[in-house]
Protein backbone atom coordinates (compact mmCIF):
# COMPACT_ATOMS: atom_id res chain seq x y z
CA MET A 1 17.73 67.08 42.09
CA GLU A 2 16.14 65.55 39.02
CA GLU A 3 16.07 66.37 35.34
CA LYS A 4 14.02 65.07 32.43
CA VAL A 5 15.48 65.20 28.93
CA LYS A 6 13.56 64.22 25.80
CA ASN A 7 15.68 63.16 22.85
CA LYS A 8 14.58 63.06 19.23
CA GLY A 9 12.37 60.08 18.57
CA GLY A 10 11.50 59.63 22.26
CA GLN A 11 7.93 58.86 23.23
CA ARG A 12 6.01 61.35 25.26
CA VAL A 13 6.05 61.16 29.06
CA GLY A 14 3.26 59.18 30.63
CA GLU A 15 2.37 57.08 27.58
CA ASN A 16 0.97 53.73 28.70
CA LEU A 17 2.38 50.65 27.06
CA PRO A 18 1.76 46.97 27.77
CA HIS A 19 4.58 45.37 29.77
CA GLU A 20 7.33 47.78 28.90
CA ILE A 21 10.96 47.23 29.83
CA LEU A 22 12.48 50.31 31.44
CA GLY A 23 16.23 50.70 31.23
CA VAL A 24 18.38 51.86 34.13
CA ILE A 25 21.99 52.92 33.64
CA LEU A 26 24.33 53.19 36.62
CA LEU A 27 26.96 55.83 35.91
CA ASN A 28 30.36 55.73 37.54
CA LEU A 29 33.97 56.74 37.03
CA GLY A 30 35.35 53.34 36.03
CA GLY A 31 38.87 52.14 36.62
CA PRO A 32 41.71 50.32 34.86
CA ASP A 33 41.05 46.58 34.50
CA SER A 34 44.75 45.78 34.12
CA ILE A 35 48.12 47.40 34.65
CA GLN A 36 48.29 48.05 30.89
CA ALA A 37 45.06 50.05 31.13
CA VAL A 38 46.40 52.52 33.72
CA ARG A 39 47.95 55.04 31.31
CA PRO A 40 45.00 55.17 28.85
CA PHE A 41 42.61 55.42 31.81
CA LEU A 42 44.57 58.40 33.15
CA TYR A 43 44.60 59.95 29.69
CA ASN A 44 40.81 59.72 29.47
CA LEU A 45 40.52 61.21 32.95
CA PHE A 46 42.78 64.19 32.33
CA SER A 47 41.27 64.81 28.89
CA ASP A 48 38.00 65.80 30.58
CA ARG A 49 37.93 69.59 31.09
CA GLN A 50 35.10 69.14 33.60
CA ILE A 51 37.69 67.52 35.90
CA ILE A 52 40.52 69.97 35.38
CA GLN A 53 41.28 72.56 32.71
CA LEU A 54 44.80 72.12 31.37
CA GLY A 55 45.55 75.43 29.69
CA PRO A 56 43.51 76.49 26.64
CA SER A 57 41.13 73.88 25.25
CA PHE A 58 43.34 72.97 22.27
CA MET A 59 46.09 71.98 24.74
CA GLN A 60 43.89 69.72 26.89
CA LYS A 61 44.60 66.44 25.10
CA PRO A 62 48.35 66.99 24.52
CA LEU A 63 48.81 67.93 28.19
CA ALA A 64 46.59 65.02 29.26
CA TRP A 65 48.87 62.68 27.29
CA LEU A 66 51.96 64.19 28.95
CA ILE A 67 50.55 64.02 32.49
CA SER A 68 49.19 60.49 32.08
CA THR A 69 52.57 59.33 30.74
CA ILE A 70 54.45 60.93 33.65
CA ARG A 71 52.04 59.63 36.31
CA ALA A 72 51.50 56.15 34.90
CA LYS A 73 54.43 54.39 36.62
CA LYS A 74 53.57 55.72 40.08
CA THR A 75 49.91 54.88 39.63
CA GLU A 76 50.75 51.40 38.32
CA LYS A 77 52.67 50.72 41.55
CA ALA A 78 49.60 51.66 43.58
CA TYR A 79 47.36 49.34 41.56
CA LYS A 80 49.85 46.50 41.95
CA LEU A 81 49.40 46.81 45.72
CA ILE A 82 45.63 46.25 45.41
CA GLY A 83 45.64 43.33 43.01
CA GLY A 84 46.80 44.85 39.72
CA LYS A 85 43.49 46.45 38.74
CA SER A 86 40.51 48.37 40.03
CA PRO A 87 37.68 46.24 41.48
CA ILE A 88 35.09 48.87 40.59
CA LEU A 89 33.74 47.08 37.52
CA GLU A 90 33.04 43.83 39.37
CA ILE A 91 31.46 45.73 42.26
CA THR A 92 29.30 47.86 39.97
CA ARG A 93 28.19 44.74 38.11
CA ALA A 94 27.17 43.21 41.45
CA GLN A 95 25.28 46.40 42.35
CA ALA A 96 23.50 46.33 38.97
CA LYS A 97 22.58 42.66 39.39
CA ASP A 98 21.17 43.15 42.90
CA LEU A 99 19.35 46.33 41.87
CA GLU A 100 17.75 44.67 38.84
CA LYS A 101 16.58 41.76 41.01
CA ALA A 102 15.15 44.12 43.63
CA LEU A 103 13.40 46.26 41.02
CA ASN A 104 11.77 43.33 39.26
CA GLN A 105 10.65 41.79 42.55
CA GLN A 106 9.04 45.14 43.40
CA SER A 107 7.48 45.34 39.95
CA ALA A 108 6.04 41.83 40.27
CA VAL A 109 4.48 42.64 43.65
CA SER A 110 3.03 45.91 42.33
CA SER A 111 1.53 44.12 39.31
CA GLN A 112 -0.17 41.54 41.53
CA GLN A 113 -1.63 44.21 43.79
CA SER A 114 -2.94 46.50 41.03
CA ILE A 115 -5.83 46.06 38.59
CA PRO A 116 -5.22 47.76 35.24
CA SER A 117 -7.94 50.09 34.06
CA PRO A 118 -8.52 50.99 30.41
CA THR A 119 -7.64 54.47 29.21
CA LYS A 120 -7.54 56.17 25.85
CA GLU A 121 -3.83 55.45 25.72
CA GLY A 122 -4.14 51.75 26.56
CA ASN A 123 -3.40 49.62 29.59
CA ARG A 124 -0.17 49.23 31.42
CA GLU A 125 0.09 45.56 32.27
CA GLY A 126 3.24 46.16 34.32
CA VAL A 127 6.83 47.10 33.72
CA SER A 128 10.10 45.31 34.19
CA PHE A 129 13.60 46.72 34.50
CA LYS A 130 16.94 46.03 32.88
CA VAL A 131 20.00 47.57 34.54
CA TYR A 132 23.11 48.57 32.62
CA ILE A 133 26.50 50.02 33.57
CA GLY A 134 28.11 53.04 31.90
CA MET A 135 31.59 54.21 32.91
CA ARG A 136 33.02 57.62 32.16
CA TYR A 137 36.73 56.87 31.72
CA TRP A 138 37.11 53.13 31.16
CA HIS A 139 35.18 50.18 29.83
CA PRO A 140 32.27 49.71 29.56
CA LEU A 141 32.24 53.32 28.38
CA ILE A 142 28.98 55.26 28.21
CA GLU A 143 29.39 55.79 24.47
CA ASN A 144 29.77 52.04 23.93
CA ILE A 145 26.89 50.85 26.08
CA ILE A 146 24.16 53.11 24.63
CA PRO A 147 24.16 51.32 21.25
CA GLN A 148 23.53 48.05 23.12
CA ILE A 149 20.70 49.63 25.12
CA SER A 150 19.12 50.81 21.88
CA LYS A 151 19.61 47.38 20.26
CA ASP A 152 17.79 45.85 23.25
CA GLY A 153 14.76 47.94 22.35
CA ILE A 154 14.89 50.22 25.39
CA LYS A 155 12.98 53.44 24.73
CA LYS A 156 12.93 54.86 28.25
CA LEU A 157 16.05 55.09 30.39
CA ILE A 158 16.61 56.17 33.99
CA ALA A 159 20.15 57.48 34.47
CA LEU A 160 21.37 57.11 38.05
CA SER A 161 24.73 58.56 39.00
CA LEU A 162 26.60 56.51 41.61
CA TYR A 163 28.13 59.67 43.02
CA PRO A 164 25.76 60.51 45.92
CA GLN A 165 26.76 64.18 46.08
CA TYR A 166 26.49 66.12 42.83
CA SER A 167 29.48 67.79 41.24
CA ILE A 168 29.96 68.98 37.69
CA THR A 169 33.21 66.97 37.74
CA THR A 170 31.50 63.64 38.46
CA SER A 171 27.74 63.34 37.95
CA GLY A 172 27.72 66.41 35.73
CA SER A 173 30.44 65.09 33.43
CA SER A 174 28.85 61.63 33.17
CA LEU A 175 25.37 62.98 32.51
CA MET A 176 26.67 65.44 29.93
CA LYS A 177 28.42 62.62 28.09
CA LEU A 178 25.26 60.51 28.28
CA LYS A 179 23.17 63.34 26.85
CA GLN A 180 25.61 63.80 23.97
CA VAL A 181 25.53 60.12 23.07
CA LEU A 182 21.75 59.77 23.45
CA ALA A 183 21.15 62.65 21.02
CA GLU A 184 21.57 60.13 18.20
CA TYR A 185 19.13 57.58 19.62
CA PRO A 186 15.33 57.47 20.07
CA ILE A 187 15.64 57.03 23.82
CA GLU A 188 14.00 59.23 26.43
CA VAL A 189 16.03 59.69 29.60
CA PHE A 190 15.15 60.70 33.15
CA SER A 191 18.28 61.69 35.06
CA VAL A 192 18.91 61.47 38.80
CA PRO A 193 22.15 63.33 39.45
CA SER A 194 21.96 63.53 43.26
CA TRP A 195 20.60 61.55 46.21
CA PHE A 196 22.95 62.66 49.00
CA ASN A 197 20.30 62.60 51.75
CA HIS A 198 18.18 59.61 50.76
CA PRO A 199 17.01 57.98 54.04
CA MET A 200 18.05 54.41 53.14
CA TYR A 201 21.43 55.58 51.86
CA ILE A 202 21.93 57.35 55.19
CA GLU A 203 20.74 54.21 56.99
CA ALA A 204 23.40 52.16 55.19
CA LEU A 205 26.11 54.66 56.14
CA VAL A 206 24.99 54.73 59.78
CA ASP A 207 25.16 50.94 59.83
CA VAL A 208 28.76 50.75 58.54
CA VAL A 209 29.80 53.56 60.92
CA LYS A 210 28.36 51.70 63.91
CA LYS A 211 30.12 48.50 62.82
CA GLY A 212 33.34 50.44 62.28
CA ILE A 213 33.21 51.84 65.80
CA GLU A 214 32.51 48.38 67.21
CA SER A 215 35.56 47.02 65.37
CA PHE A 216 37.82 49.02 67.69
CA TYR A 217 36.48 47.03 70.62
CA THR A 218 36.43 43.62 68.94
CA SER A 219 40.06 44.10 67.83
CA SER A 220 40.99 45.02 71.44
CA LEU A 221 42.26 48.45 70.42
CA ILE A 222 39.92 49.86 73.05
CA PRO A 223 38.96 47.67 76.05
CA HIS A 224 35.32 47.56 77.09
CA PRO A 225 33.57 49.33 78.72
CA SER A 226 35.35 52.37 77.29
CA SER A 227 33.16 55.04 75.71
CA SER A 228 32.83 55.60 71.97
CA GLU A 229 33.95 59.15 72.81
CA ASP A 230 37.47 57.71 72.48
CA ILE A 231 36.89 57.24 68.76
CA HIS A 232 36.87 60.15 66.33
CA VAL A 233 35.21 59.78 62.94
CA LEU A 234 36.94 61.34 59.96
CA PHE A 235 34.72 61.78 56.92
CA SER A 236 37.10 61.75 53.95
CA ALA A 237 35.62 63.09 50.72
CA HIS A 238 37.19 63.30 47.28
CA SER A 239 38.79 66.70 46.85
CA LEU A 240 38.02 69.24 44.15
CA PRO A 241 39.70 72.43 42.99
CA GLU A 242 38.37 75.31 45.12
CA LYS A 243 37.53 77.28 41.99
CA ILE A 244 34.84 74.74 41.06
CA ILE A 245 33.08 75.29 44.38
CA GLU A 246 33.44 79.05 44.08
CA ASN A 247 31.67 78.82 40.72
CA GLY A 248 28.59 77.38 42.41
CA ASP A 249 29.17 73.62 42.47
CA PRO A 250 27.00 72.14 45.30
CA TYR A 251 29.42 69.31 46.15
CA VAL A 252 30.63 70.60 49.53
CA GLU A 253 27.12 71.65 50.58
CA GLN A 254 25.75 68.21 49.72
CA THR A 255 28.68 66.42 51.36
CA THR A 256 28.07 68.26 54.63
CA GLY A 257 24.37 67.56 54.12
CA THR A 258 25.10 63.82 54.07
CA ILE A 259 27.20 64.14 57.23
CA ARG A 260 24.46 66.15 58.93
CA GLU A 261 21.93 63.39 58.24
CA ILE A 262 24.29 60.77 59.69
CA THR A 263 25.10 62.75 62.83
CA GLU A 264 21.42 63.37 63.50
CA ARG A 265 21.01 59.60 63.81
CA ILE A 266 24.18 58.75 65.73
CA HIS A 267 26.27 60.88 68.09
CA LEU A 268 29.82 61.22 66.83
CA LYS A 269 32.94 63.26 67.36
CA TRP A 270 33.58 63.95 63.71
CA HIS A 271 35.78 65.86 61.27
CA LEU A 272 35.84 66.41 57.51
CA SER A 273 38.84 66.22 55.18
CA TYR A 274 39.51 65.82 51.47
CA GLN A 275 41.64 63.26 49.65
CA SER A 276 42.92 62.44 46.15
CA LYS A 277 43.97 65.89 45.00
CA SER A 278 46.26 66.21 41.99
CA GLY A 279 47.70 69.11 40.04
CA PRO A 280 49.04 72.55 40.95
CA VAL A 281 45.74 74.40 41.53
CA LYS A 282 44.34 75.13 44.99
CA TRP A 283 42.20 72.25 46.23
CA LEU A 284 39.69 71.89 49.04
CA SER A 285 41.20 71.73 52.50
CA PRO A 286 42.14 70.35 54.88
CA SER A 287 43.63 67.35 53.14
CA THR A 288 43.25 64.02 54.90
CA GLU A 289 46.98 63.97 55.65
CA GLU A 290 46.80 67.45 57.21
CA LYS A 291 43.77 66.49 59.30
CA LEU A 292 45.43 63.30 60.58
CA GLU A 293 48.47 65.29 61.69
CA GLU A 294 46.23 67.89 63.34
CA LEU A 295 44.25 65.24 65.23
CA ALA A 296 47.46 63.53 66.32
CA GLY A 297 48.59 66.85 67.77
CA GLN A 298 45.41 66.88 69.86
CA GLY A 299 46.29 63.49 71.33
CA ILE A 300 43.62 61.55 69.44
CA LYS A 301 44.56 57.88 69.11
CA ASN A 302 41.60 56.15 67.46
CA ILE A 303 40.20 57.33 64.13
CA LEU A 304 37.53 55.73 61.97
CA VAL A 305 37.70 56.95 58.36
CA VAL A 306 34.43 57.12 56.43
CA PRO A 307 34.92 57.52 52.64
CA VAL A 308 31.75 59.58 52.43
CA SER A 309 31.77 60.38 48.72
CA PHE A 310 32.46 56.82 47.53
CA VAL A 311 29.99 53.93 47.34
CA SER A 312 32.40 51.28 46.00
CA ASP A 313 35.85 50.04 46.84
CA HIS A 314 38.52 51.28 44.44
CA ILE A 315 41.99 52.81 44.57
CA GLU A 316 40.91 55.70 46.82
CA THR A 317 39.74 53.30 49.54
CA LEU A 318 41.99 50.27 49.07
CA TYR A 319 45.25 52.15 48.47
CA GLU A 320 44.92 55.73 49.69
CA ILE A 321 43.05 55.03 52.93
CA ASP A 322 43.96 51.41 53.72
CA ILE A 323 47.65 51.70 52.88
CA LEU A 324 48.81 55.30 52.48
CA TYR A 325 46.81 57.00 55.24
CA ARG A 326 47.03 54.03 57.61
CA ASN A 327 50.83 54.05 57.38
CA TYR A 328 50.83 57.83 57.78
CA ALA A 329 48.64 57.57 60.88
CA GLU A 330 50.88 54.93 62.43
CA LYS A 331 53.78 57.41 62.40
CA PHE A 332 51.72 59.55 64.79
CA GLY A 333 50.65 56.64 66.96
CA ILE A 334 47.08 56.64 65.61
CA ASN A 335 44.98 53.48 65.28
CA LEU A 336 43.24 54.08 61.95
CA LYS A 337 40.40 51.96 60.65
CA ARG A 338 38.02 52.41 57.73
CA THR A 339 34.34 51.64 57.43
CA ASP A 340 33.35 49.03 54.89
CA SER A 341 32.39 50.53 51.55
CA LEU A 342 28.70 50.26 50.78
CA ASN A 343 29.24 48.05 47.70
CA ILE A 344 26.16 45.76 47.82
CA HIS A 345 24.98 46.65 51.33
CA PRO A 346 21.26 45.68 51.41
CA ALA A 347 20.09 49.12 52.60
CA PHE A 348 22.13 50.78 49.87
CA ILE A 349 20.58 48.59 47.17
CA GLN A 350 17.15 49.40 48.62
CA ALA A 351 18.02 53.11 48.40
CA LEU A 352 18.90 52.76 44.72
CA LYS A 353 15.70 50.79 44.11
CA ASP A 354 13.61 53.46 45.79
CA VAL A 355 15.25 56.22 43.74
CA VAL A 356 14.57 54.32 40.49
CA ILE A 357 10.94 53.49 41.37
CA LYS A 358 10.17 57.09 42.33
CA SER A 359 11.88 58.37 39.20
CA ALA A 360 9.86 56.01 36.99
CA ARG A 361 6.66 57.20 38.63
CA GLU A 362 7.62 60.88 38.32
CA ALA A 363 8.35 60.35 34.64
CA GLY A 364 4.96 58.69 34.24
CA TRP A 365 6.53 55.40 33.21
CA ALA A 366 5.25 53.23 36.07
């Protein structure tokens, strides 16, 4: 699912330039970097009508201020339990660093193996990559990083959403903001809003699922040689208002597409639920709490949770799953574990690299 956008001043696709630096921007939600940042982060989140529409448009910001003020104390308590801030910035920086290294190693190998040939438009002596981070709701904000990208002389930018499954509320919102900001800069952008079934991304997920299943044995929760049939896998995805899906959003379809790819590679007894809902509208179901109670009623004792729509640790994994859902599961006698988040998993970084390289080639930039 790819889209090319040409902004004013951008150079035409396929133009050959000597040793050009291609920019890559990793787009993500962001998270508060201190307890003091929680309320303004929530305000930014609820101000976005792509996430949730709070009455008529002129009431969005006043209601966002009210909701963020009311919810701040409860949310601050949750962040205090996971270190007083979100780790997503540090993790995304590590992802960007590893991706940039992988891309430039690939570029160096490609340059050594290829012999440039002259054309009317000149020779491409090779390209290198510089990877940036742009967050939607907290620093470094998309609108603040684009001026730096322009100052660095980047004229071509690959925008890669770190939400594997596309939704207007996540990738769509981030890419829309990026497009708005880039309209004032002579930068051409190639956007990659979805990569839910990329083979190396699936490979990384299969790896953490296998290790998660093995952890039940190594922790003596299940004695060998018991079968993995004793373990049920619960794919927990971020919830969305049902109305968004009814309006054609492909998020659920792509989420089940990711799960289908995983279960074609490894046999699992699996289930799907949705977490992190907020607000009075009708959200996707079943919720993760409802599914845990349902599975407990079926006598299931060992559950491995896979946060399928997240690629980094943050409050949804470290607090909701590791603390809230684990305590909830214990009340029903369930042993609940979670797979490691992908973070800087080598196969995941290779997946991102492959997406960027293919995008650069499709755009005619490499």
